[in-house]
C-alpha atoms as a PDB file:
ATOM      1  CA  UNK A   1    -139.868  16.446  57.217  1.00  0.00           C
ATOM      2  CA  UNK A   2    -137.872  14.518  54.627  1.00  0.00           C
ATOM      3  CA  UNK A   3    -136.737  16.318  51.551  1.00  0.00           C
ATOM      4  CA  UNK A   4    -135.604  14.845  48.306  1.00  0.00           C
ATOM      5  CA  UNK A   5    -132.906  16.463  46.218  1.00  0.00           C
ATOM      6  CA  UNK A   6    -133.594  16.836  42.551  1.00  0.00           C
ATOM      7  CA  UNK A   7    -130.792  15.418  40.387  1.00  0.00           C
ATOM      8  CA  UNK A   8    -128.899  18.164  38.704  1.00  0.00           C
ATOM      9  CA  UNK A   9    -128.336  18.098  34.985  1.00  0.00           C
ATOM     10  CA  UNK A  10    -124.892  17.206  33.712  1.00  0.00           C
ATOM     11  CA  UNK A  11    -122.650  20.047  32.721  1.00  0.00           C
ATOM     12  CA  UNK A  12    -121.671  20.779  29.158  1.00  0.00           C
ATOM     13  CA  UNK A  13    -118.085  19.786  29.922  1.00  0.00           C
ATOM     14  CA  UNK A  14    -119.149  16.349  31.155  1.00  0.00           C
ATOM     15  CA  UNK A  15    -121.246  15.760  28.070  1.00  0.00           C
ATOM     16  CA  UNK A  16    -118.400  16.829  25.775  1.00  0.00           C
ATOM     17  CA  UNK A  17    -115.970  14.552  27.640  1.00  0.00           C
ATOM     18  CA  UNK A  18    -118.297  11.563  27.351  1.00  0.00           C
ATOM     19  CA  UNK A  19    -118.894  12.284  23.685  1.00  0.00           C
ATOM     20  CA  UNK A  20    -115.163  12.489  22.946  1.00  0.00           C
ATOM     21  CA  UNK A  21    -113.756   9.692  25.124  1.00  0.00           C
ATOM     22  CA  UNK A  22    -116.619   7.301  25.830  1.00  0.00           C
ATOM     23  CA  UNK A  23    -117.948   6.687  22.338  1.00  0.00           C
ATOM     24  CA  UNK A  24    -117.626   3.495  20.322  1.00  0.00           C
ATOM     25  CA  UNK A  25    -114.745   4.806  18.197  1.00  0.00           C
ATOM     26  CA  UNK A  26    -112.597   5.610  21.258  1.00  0.00           C
ATOM     27  CA  UNK A  27    -113.405   2.296  22.968  1.00  0.00           C
ATOM     28  CA  UNK A  28    -112.601   0.362  19.799  1.00  0.00           C
ATOM     29  CA  UNK A  29    -109.072   1.830  19.750  1.00  0.00           C
ATOM     30  CA  UNK A  30    -108.225   2.083  23.464  1.00  0.00           C
ATOM     31  CA  UNK A  31    -109.068  -0.311  26.257  1.00  0.00           C
ATOM     32  CA  UNK A  32    -109.118   1.298  29.704  1.00  0.00           C
ATOM     33  CA  UNK A  33    -109.977   0.384  33.252  1.00  0.00           C
ATOM     34  CA  UNK A  34    -108.124   0.047  36.528  1.00  0.00           C
ATOM     35  CA  UNK A  35    -107.709  -3.553  37.839  1.00  0.00           C
ATOM     36  CA  UNK A  36    -108.948  -2.804  41.344  1.00  0.00           C
ATOM     37  CA  UNK A  37    -109.890  -6.369  42.340  1.00  0.00           C
ATOM     38  CA  UNK A  38    -107.924  -9.661  42.293  1.00  0.00           C
ATOM     39  CA  UNK A  39    -110.128 -10.951  39.484  1.00  0.00           C
ATOM     40  CA  UNK A  40    -109.571  -7.831  37.403  1.00  0.00           C
ATOM     41  CA  UNK A  41    -105.846  -7.975  38.109  1.00  0.00           C
ATOM     42  CA  UNK A  42    -105.756 -11.581  36.895  1.00  0.00           C
ATOM     43  CA  UNK A  43    -107.691 -10.608  33.780  1.00  0.00           C
ATOM     44  CA  UNK A  44    -105.286  -7.715  33.150  1.00  0.00           C
ATOM     45  CA  UNK A  45    -102.378 -10.183  33.119  1.00  0.00           C
ATOM     46  CA  UNK A  46    -104.193 -12.878  31.128  1.00  0.00           C
ATOM     47  CA  UNK A  47    -105.257 -10.438  28.405  1.00  0.00           C
ATOM     48  CA  UNK A  48    -101.888  -8.675  28.118  1.00  0.00           C
ATOM     49  CA  UNK A  49     -99.987  -9.717  25.008  1.00  0.00           C
ATOM     50  CA  UNK A  50     -96.609  -9.131  26.694  1.00  0.00           C
ATOM     51  CA  UNK A  51     -97.397 -10.775  30.034  1.00  0.00           C
ATOM     52  CA  UNK A  52     -99.408 -13.678  28.594  1.00  0.00           C
ATOM     53  CA  UNK A  53     -98.647 -14.327  24.925  1.00  0.00           C
ATOM     54  CA  UNK A  54    -101.389 -16.848  24.101  1.00  0.00           C
ATOM     55  CA  UNK A  55    -105.096 -16.575  24.977  1.00  0.00           C
ATOM     56  CA  UNK A  56    -106.133 -18.459  28.095  1.00  0.00           C
ATOM     57  CA  UNK A  57    -108.851 -20.206  26.119  1.00  0.00           C
ATOM     58  CA  UNK A  58    -109.985 -20.365  22.527  1.00  0.00           C
ATOM     59  CA  UNK A  59    -113.068 -21.555  20.714  1.00  0.00           C
ATOM     60  CA  UNK A  60    -112.835 -25.083  19.350  1.00  0.00           C
ATOM     61  CA  UNK A  61    -113.300 -23.862  15.783  1.00  0.00           C
ATOM     62  CA  UNK A  62    -110.050 -21.893  16.050  1.00  0.00           C
ATOM     63  CA  UNK A  63    -107.934 -25.048  16.008  1.00  0.00           C
ATOM     64  CA  UNK A  64    -109.309 -26.012  12.590  1.00  0.00           C
ATOM     65  CA  UNK A  65    -107.153 -24.916   9.680  1.00  0.00           C
ATOM     66  CA  UNK A  66    -110.273 -24.314   7.587  1.00  0.00           C
ATOM     67  CA  UNK A  67    -111.298 -21.473   9.915  1.00  0.00           C
ATOM     68  CA  UNK A  68    -108.539 -19.128   8.735  1.00  0.00           C
ATOM     69  CA  UNK A  69    -106.423 -21.260   6.334  1.00  0.00           C
ATOM     70  CA  UNK A  70    -103.437 -19.670   8.143  1.00  0.00           C
ATOM     71  CA  UNK A  71    -103.549 -16.784   5.645  1.00  0.00           C
ATOM     72  CA  UNK A  72    -102.469 -14.186   8.210  1.00  0.00           C
ATOM     73  CA  UNK A  73     -99.602 -16.370   9.413  1.00  0.00           C
ATOM     74  CA  UNK A  74     -98.533 -17.099   5.846  1.00  0.00           C
ATOM     75  CA  UNK A  75     -98.481 -13.370   5.067  1.00  0.00           C
ATOM     76  CA  UNK A  76     -96.271 -12.716   8.093  1.00  0.00           C
ATOM     77  CA  UNK A  77     -93.981 -15.634   7.182  1.00  0.00           C
ATOM     78  CA  UNK A  78     -93.598 -14.265   3.647  1.00  0.00           C
ATOM     79  CA  UNK A  79     -92.843 -10.801   5.056  1.00  0.00           C
ATOM     80  CA  UNK A  80     -90.014 -12.288   7.131  1.00  0.00           C
ATOM     81  CA  UNK A  81     -88.706 -14.174   4.102  1.00  0.00           C
ATOM     82  CA  UNK A  82     -88.821 -11.019   1.994  1.00  0.00           C
ATOM     83  CA  UNK A  83     -86.899  -9.146   4.679  1.00  0.00           C
ATOM     84  CA  UNK A  84     -84.141 -11.776   4.783  1.00  0.00           C
ATOM     85  CA  UNK A  85     -83.801 -12.143   1.013  1.00  0.00           C
ATOM     86  CA  UNK A  86     -84.061  -8.378   0.539  1.00  0.00           C
ATOM     87  CA  UNK A  87     -81.171  -7.734   2.934  1.00  0.00           C
ATOM     88  CA  UNK A  88     -79.059 -10.307   1.061  1.00  0.00           C
ATOM     89  CA  UNK A  89     -79.923  -8.737  -2.298  1.00  0.00           C
ATOM     90  CA  UNK A  90     -78.810  -5.325  -1.030  1.00  0.00           C
ATOM     91  CA  UNK A  91     -75.201  -6.601  -0.963  1.00  0.00           C
ATOM     92  CA  UNK A  92     -75.234  -7.034  -4.736  1.00  0.00           C
ATOM     93  CA  UNK A  93     -77.250  -3.990  -5.852  1.00  0.00           C
ATOM     94  CA  UNK A  94     -76.391  -0.311  -6.285  1.00  0.00           C
ATOM     95  CA  UNK A  95     -79.336   2.097  -6.843  1.00  0.00           C
ATOM     96  CA  UNK A  96     -77.778   3.857  -9.814  1.00  0.00           C
ATOM     97  CA  UNK A  97     -79.136   4.145 -13.346  1.00  0.00           C
ATOM     98  CA  UNK A  98     -75.676   3.230 -14.666  1.00  0.00           C
ATOM     99  CA  UNK A  99     -75.280   0.079 -12.528  1.00  0.00           C
ATOM    100  CA  UNK A 100     -78.749  -1.169 -11.533  1.00  0.00           C
ATOM    101  CA  UNK A 101     -79.499  -3.291 -14.605  1.00  0.00           C
ATOM    102  CA  UNK A 102     -75.937  -4.585 -14.775  1.00  0.00           C
ATOM    103  CA  UNK A 103     -76.133  -5.623 -11.112  1.00  0.00           C
ATOM    104  CA  UNK A 104     -79.302  -7.586 -11.852  1.00  0.00           C
ATOM    105  CA  UNK A 105     -77.606  -9.377 -14.758  1.00  0.00           C
ATOM    106  CA  UNK A 106     -74.558 -10.095 -12.605  1.00  0.00           C
ATOM    107  CA  UNK A 107     -76.812 -11.428  -9.878  1.00  0.00           C
ATOM    108  CA  UNK A 108     -78.362 -13.877 -12.342  1.00  0.00           C
ATOM    109  CA  UNK A 109     -75.112 -15.021 -13.963  1.00  0.00           C
ATOM    110  CA  UNK A 110     -72.113 -14.386 -11.687  1.00  0.00           C
ATOM    111  CA  UNK A 111     -73.317 -14.625  -8.069  1.00  0.00           C
ATOM    112  CA  UNK A 112     -73.608 -18.168  -6.732  1.00  0.00           C
ATOM    113  CA  UNK A 113     -77.290 -18.918  -6.075  1.00  0.00           C
ATOM    114  CA  UNK A 114     -78.010 -15.298  -7.057  1.00  0.00           C
ATOM    115  CA  UNK A 115     -80.783 -16.173  -9.486  1.00  0.00           C
ATOM    116  CA  UNK A 116     -82.383 -18.429  -6.882  1.00  0.00           C
ATOM    117  CA  UNK A 117     -82.200 -15.634  -4.302  1.00  0.00           C
ATOM    118  CA  UNK A 118     -83.758 -13.104  -6.656  1.00  0.00           C
ATOM    119  CA  UNK A 119     -86.541 -15.462  -7.716  1.00  0.00           C
ATOM    120  CA  UNK A 120     -87.267 -16.328  -4.079  1.00  0.00           C
ATOM    121  CA  UNK A 121     -87.686 -12.632  -3.345  1.00  0.00           C
ATOM    122  CA  UNK A 122     -89.839 -12.110  -6.417  1.00  0.00           C
ATOM    123  CA  UNK A 123     -92.197 -15.030  -5.879  1.00  0.00           C
ATOM    124  CA  UNK A 124     -92.547 -14.377  -2.169  1.00  0.00           C
ATOM    125  CA  UNK A 125     -93.537 -10.802  -3.041  1.00  0.00           C
ATOM    126  CA  UNK A 126     -96.239 -12.102  -5.381  1.00  0.00           C
ATOM    127  CA  UNK A 127     -97.320 -14.614  -2.756  1.00  0.00           C
ATOM    128  CA  UNK A 128     -97.598 -11.983  -0.046  1.00  0.00           C
ATOM    129  CA  UNK A 129     -99.857  -9.800  -2.182  1.00  0.00           C
ATOM    130  CA  UNK A 130    -102.060 -12.834  -2.851  1.00  0.00           C
ATOM    131  CA  UNK A 131    -102.222 -14.072   0.761  1.00  0.00           C
ATOM    132  CA  UNK A 132    -102.935 -10.605   2.161  1.00  0.00           C
ATOM    133  CA  UNK A 133    -105.787 -10.142  -0.326  1.00  0.00           C
ATOM    134  CA  UNK A 134    -107.204 -13.575   0.520  1.00  0.00           C
ATOM    135  CA  UNK A 135    -106.815 -12.860   4.236  1.00  0.00           C
ATOM    136  CA  UNK A 136    -108.813  -9.636   3.894  1.00  0.00           C
ATOM    137  CA  UNK A 137    -111.502 -11.462   1.928  1.00  0.00           C
ATOM    138  CA  UNK A 138    -111.706 -14.176   4.589  1.00  0.00           C
ATOM    139  CA  UNK A 139    -112.062 -11.574   7.350  1.00  0.00           C
ATOM    140  CA  UNK A 140    -114.767  -9.742   5.411  1.00  0.00           C
ATOM    141  CA  UNK A 141    -116.854 -12.759   4.434  1.00  0.00           C
ATOM    142  CA  UNK A 142    -116.709 -14.275   7.931  1.00  0.00           C
ATOM    143  CA  UNK A 143    -117.698 -11.000   9.605  1.00  0.00           C
ATOM    144  CA  UNK A 144    -114.467 -10.798  11.623  1.00  0.00           C
ATOM    145  CA  UNK A 145    -114.346  -7.022  11.071  1.00  0.00           C
ATOM    146  CA  UNK A 146    -117.352  -6.333  13.302  1.00  0.00           C
ATOM    147  CA  UNK A 147    -117.141  -4.816  16.836  1.00  0.00           C
ATOM    148  CA  UNK A 148    -114.917  -4.929  18.788  1.00  0.00           C
ATOM    149  CA  UNK A 149    -112.547  -5.615  15.880  1.00  0.00           C
ATOM    150  CA  UNK A 150    -113.374  -2.686  13.605  1.00  0.00           C
ATOM    151  CA  UNK A 151    -110.143  -0.844  14.482  1.00  0.00           C
ATOM    152  CA  UNK A 152    -108.060  -3.906  13.618  1.00  0.00           C
ATOM    153  CA  UNK A 153    -109.886  -4.096  10.285  1.00  0.00           C
ATOM    154  CA  UNK A 154    -108.687  -0.565   9.501  1.00  0.00           C
ATOM    155  CA  UNK A 155    -105.139  -1.593  10.478  1.00  0.00           C
ATOM    156  CA  UNK A 156    -105.458  -4.547   8.095  1.00  0.00           C
ATOM    157  CA  UNK A 157    -106.536  -2.244   5.257  1.00  0.00           C
ATOM    158  CA  UNK A 158    -103.467  -0.074   5.914  1.00  0.00           C
ATOM    159  CA  UNK A 159    -101.275  -3.204   5.793  1.00  0.00           C
ATOM    160  CA  UNK A 160    -102.858  -4.169   2.468  1.00  0.00           C
ATOM    161  CA  UNK A 161    -102.021  -0.742   1.027  1.00  0.00           C
ATOM    162  CA  UNK A 162     -98.452  -0.984   2.365  1.00  0.00           C
ATOM    163  CA  UNK A 163     -98.093  -4.432   0.778  1.00  0.00           C
ATOM    164  CA  UNK A 164     -99.156  -3.078  -2.605  1.00  0.00           C
ATOM    165  CA  UNK A 165     -96.815  -0.089  -2.245  1.00  0.00           C
ATOM    166  CA  UNK A 166     -93.907  -2.390  -1.368  1.00  0.00           C
ATOM    167  CA  UNK A 167     -94.580  -4.393  -4.517  1.00  0.00           C
ATOM    168  CA  UNK A 168     -94.936  -1.217  -6.599  1.00  0.00           C
ATOM    169  CA  UNK A 169     -91.714   0.402  -5.368  1.00  0.00           C
ATOM    170  CA  UNK A 170     -89.719  -2.792  -5.830  1.00  0.00           C
ATOM    171  CA  UNK A 171     -90.884  -3.087  -9.441  1.00  0.00           C
ATOM    172  CA  UNK A 172     -88.636  -0.217 -10.584  1.00  0.00           C
ATOM    173  CA  UNK A 173     -85.398  -1.462  -9.041  1.00  0.00           C
ATOM    174  CA  UNK A 174     -84.276  -3.827 -11.890  1.00  0.00           C
ATOM    175  CA  UNK A 175     -84.279  -0.747 -14.167  1.00  0.00           C
ATOM    176  CA  UNK A 176     -85.256  -2.602 -17.330  1.00  0.00           C
ATOM    177  CA  UNK A 177     -87.715  -1.452 -19.980  1.00  0.00           C
ATOM    178  CA  UNK A 178     -90.654  -3.276 -18.421  1.00  0.00           C
ATOM    179  CA  UNK A 179     -90.035  -1.695 -15.019  1.00  0.00           C
ATOM    180  CA  UNK A 180     -89.315   1.758 -16.447  1.00  0.00           C
ATOM    181  CA  UNK A 181     -92.519   2.011 -18.447  1.00  0.00           C
ATOM    182  CA  UNK A 182     -94.643   0.374 -15.775  1.00  0.00           C
ATOM    183  CA  UNK A 183     -93.510   2.967 -13.223  1.00  0.00           C
ATOM    184  CA  UNK A 184     -93.956   5.734 -15.798  1.00  0.00           C
ATOM    185  CA  UNK A 185     -97.571   4.690 -16.345  1.00  0.00           C
ATOM    186  CA  UNK A 186     -98.165   4.274 -12.600  1.00  0.00           C
ATOM    187  CA  UNK A 187     -96.786   7.690 -11.679  1.00  0.00           C
ATOM    188  CA  UNK A 188     -98.733   9.296 -14.536  1.00  0.00           C
ATOM    189  CA  UNK A 189    -101.886   7.803 -13.016  1.00  0.00           C
ATOM    190  CA  UNK A 190    -100.937   9.452  -9.724  1.00  0.00           C
ATOM    191  CA  UNK A 191    -100.393  12.742 -11.536  1.00  0.00           C
ATOM    192  CA  UNK A 192    -103.834  12.581 -13.149  1.00  0.00           C
ATOM    193  CA  UNK A 193    -105.536  12.909  -9.756  1.00  0.00           C
ATOM    194  CA  UNK A 194    -107.191  16.304  -9.222  1.00  0.00           C
ATOM    195  CA  UNK A 195    -105.509  19.101  -7.218  1.00  0.00           C
ATOM    196  CA  UNK A 196    -102.733  17.122  -5.474  1.00  0.00           C
ATOM    197  CA  UNK A 197    -101.975  14.666  -8.263  1.00  0.00           C
ATOM    198  CA  UNK A 198     -99.166  16.515 -10.017  1.00  0.00           C
ATOM    199  CA  UNK A 199     -97.354  17.619  -6.808  1.00  0.00           C
ATOM    200  CA  UNK A 200     -97.476  14.031  -5.514  1.00  0.00           C
ATOM    201  CA  UNK A 201     -96.093  12.722  -8.793  1.00  0.00           C
ATOM    202  CA  UNK A 202     -93.281  15.271  -8.686  1.00  0.00           C
ATOM    203  CA  UNK A 203     -92.343  14.154  -5.167  1.00  0.00           C
ATOM    204  CA  UNK A 204     -92.394  10.472  -6.162  1.00  0.00           C
ATOM    205  CA  UNK A 205     -90.394  10.872  -9.370  1.00  0.00           C
ATOM    206  CA  UNK A 206     -88.158  13.718  -8.202  1.00  0.00           C
ATOM    207  CA  UNK A 207     -88.740  15.592 -11.440  1.00  0.00           C
ATOM    208  CA  UNK A 208     -90.763  15.366 -14.612  1.00  0.00           C
ATOM    209  CA  UNK A 209     -89.273  12.111 -15.919  1.00  0.00           C
ATOM    210  CA  UNK A 210     -88.382   8.782 -14.351  1.00  0.00           C
ATOM    211  CA  UNK A 211     -84.633   8.839 -13.763  1.00  0.00           C
ATOM    212  CA  UNK A 212     -81.971   8.677 -11.063  1.00  0.00           C
ATOM    213  CA  UNK A 213     -84.029  10.705  -8.593  1.00  0.00           C
ATOM    214  CA  UNK A 214     -86.990   8.349  -8.978  1.00  0.00           C
ATOM    215  CA  UNK A 215     -84.765   5.283  -8.588  1.00  0.00           C
ATOM    216  CA  UNK A 216     -83.201   6.469  -5.329  1.00  0.00           C
ATOM    217  CA  UNK A 217     -86.599   7.502  -3.958  1.00  0.00           C
ATOM    218  CA  UNK A 218     -88.200   4.164  -4.757  1.00  0.00           C
ATOM    219  CA  UNK A 219     -85.165   2.313  -3.385  1.00  0.00           C
ATOM    220  CA  UNK A 220     -85.309   4.234  -0.089  1.00  0.00           C
ATOM    221  CA  UNK A 221     -89.037   3.670   0.254  1.00  0.00           C
ATOM    222  CA  UNK A 222     -88.678  -0.009  -0.610  1.00  0.00           C
ATOM    223  CA  UNK A 223     -85.858  -0.917   1.779  1.00  0.00           C
ATOM    224  CA  UNK A 224     -86.391   1.527   4.685  1.00  0.00           C
ATOM    225  CA  UNK A 225     -89.593   3.564   4.821  1.00  0.00           C
ATOM    226  CA  UNK A 226     -92.315   1.092   3.874  1.00  0.00           C
ATOM    227  CA  UNK A 227     -90.835  -1.949   5.734  1.00  0.00           C
ATOM    228  CA  UNK A 228     -90.582   0.084   8.946  1.00  0.00           C
ATOM    229  CA  UNK A 229     -94.180   1.263   8.601  1.00  0.00           C
ATOM    230  CA  UNK A 230     -95.330  -2.285   7.859  1.00  0.00           C
ATOM    231  CA  UNK A 231     -93.477  -3.601  10.938  1.00  0.00           C
ATOM    232  CA  UNK A 232     -95.170  -1.039  13.186  1.00  0.00           C
ATOM    233  CA  UNK A 233     -98.639  -1.808  11.843  1.00  0.00           C
ATOM    234  CA  UNK A 234     -97.984  -5.565  12.044  1.00  0.00           C
ATOM    235  CA  UNK A 235     -97.122  -5.181  15.735  1.00  0.00           C
ATOM    236  CA  UNK A 236    -100.316  -3.197  16.318  1.00  0.00           C
ATOM    237  CA  UNK A 237    -102.299  -5.758  14.313  1.00  0.00           C
ATOM    238  CA  UNK A 238    -101.057  -8.723  16.369  1.00  0.00           C
ATOM    239  CA  UNK A 239    -101.505  -6.810  19.613  1.00  0.00           C
ATOM    240  CA  UNK A 240    -105.106  -5.960  18.792  1.00  0.00           C
ATOM    241  CA  UNK A 241    -105.903  -9.560  17.851  1.00  0.00           C
ATOM    242  CA  UNK A 242    -104.737 -10.576  21.303  1.00  0.00           C
ATOM    243  CA  UNK A 243    -106.499  -7.693  23.070  1.00  0.00           C
ATOM    244  CA  UNK A 244    -109.768  -8.397  21.282  1.00  0.00           C
ATOM    245  CA  UNK A 245    -109.868 -11.959  22.592  1.00  0.00           C
ATOM    246  CA  UNK A 246    -108.144 -13.812  19.792  1.00  0.00           C
ATOM    247  CA  UNK A 247    -109.756 -14.835  16.530  1.00  0.00           C
ATOM    248  CA  UNK A 248    -113.360 -14.008  15.810  1.00  0.00           C
ATOM    249  CA  UNK A 249    -115.829 -16.871  15.964  1.00  0.00           C
ATOM    250  CA  UNK A 250    -117.431 -17.994  12.713  1.00  0.00           C
ATOM    251  CA  UNK A 251    -120.838 -16.615  11.807  1.00  0.00           C
END
């Protein structure tokens, strides 16, 4: 006499594991799977950004400049230009309240091509803010933030915030009246936030007034902390574009 076994219900542990590691949020961040067949092994190589830099195939709309207007590439190019010009400017600048403004004047008048170098850095900073904003608008209005690219959209938002913070921290470095009062107003806006506003302002300024402590903090954030964070998130951003199959198709 044949007997049929009744399927047993899944344990609580299995349900918790599936809920934690097999949901849409987890799959949007991490891609998993063992390449156990030749086809899967080939796909693992073809979709790996380090083993195969460019996608094996792209949609025909991706070769048109009007699809993206190269806004992401322009933002990255401006970031590289800002890094190069910023390193060169560091040779002629001392983050001290006694010397900062004088170094800026000397850069404009005494250093050969110094004014050109400073203006290149300044206008590329403005251009990067503009291109990143336009890039985010293009991604939003073309629906390129939808699954499976929702995690990369969050990375892009973080990069936008880092871009604005880089521009904000660099604004104080000339140490003129315009920069001093602009940073004073900006940090006062931070301090007006409820609960954590005043402690955050104190950490940013290094005291109750904008002075030497604020200058050295903004300088350190501008030349070390924020660029390193931006580089890490840029690497993740490019990697996820490649892992998600390249550019999103138009709606």
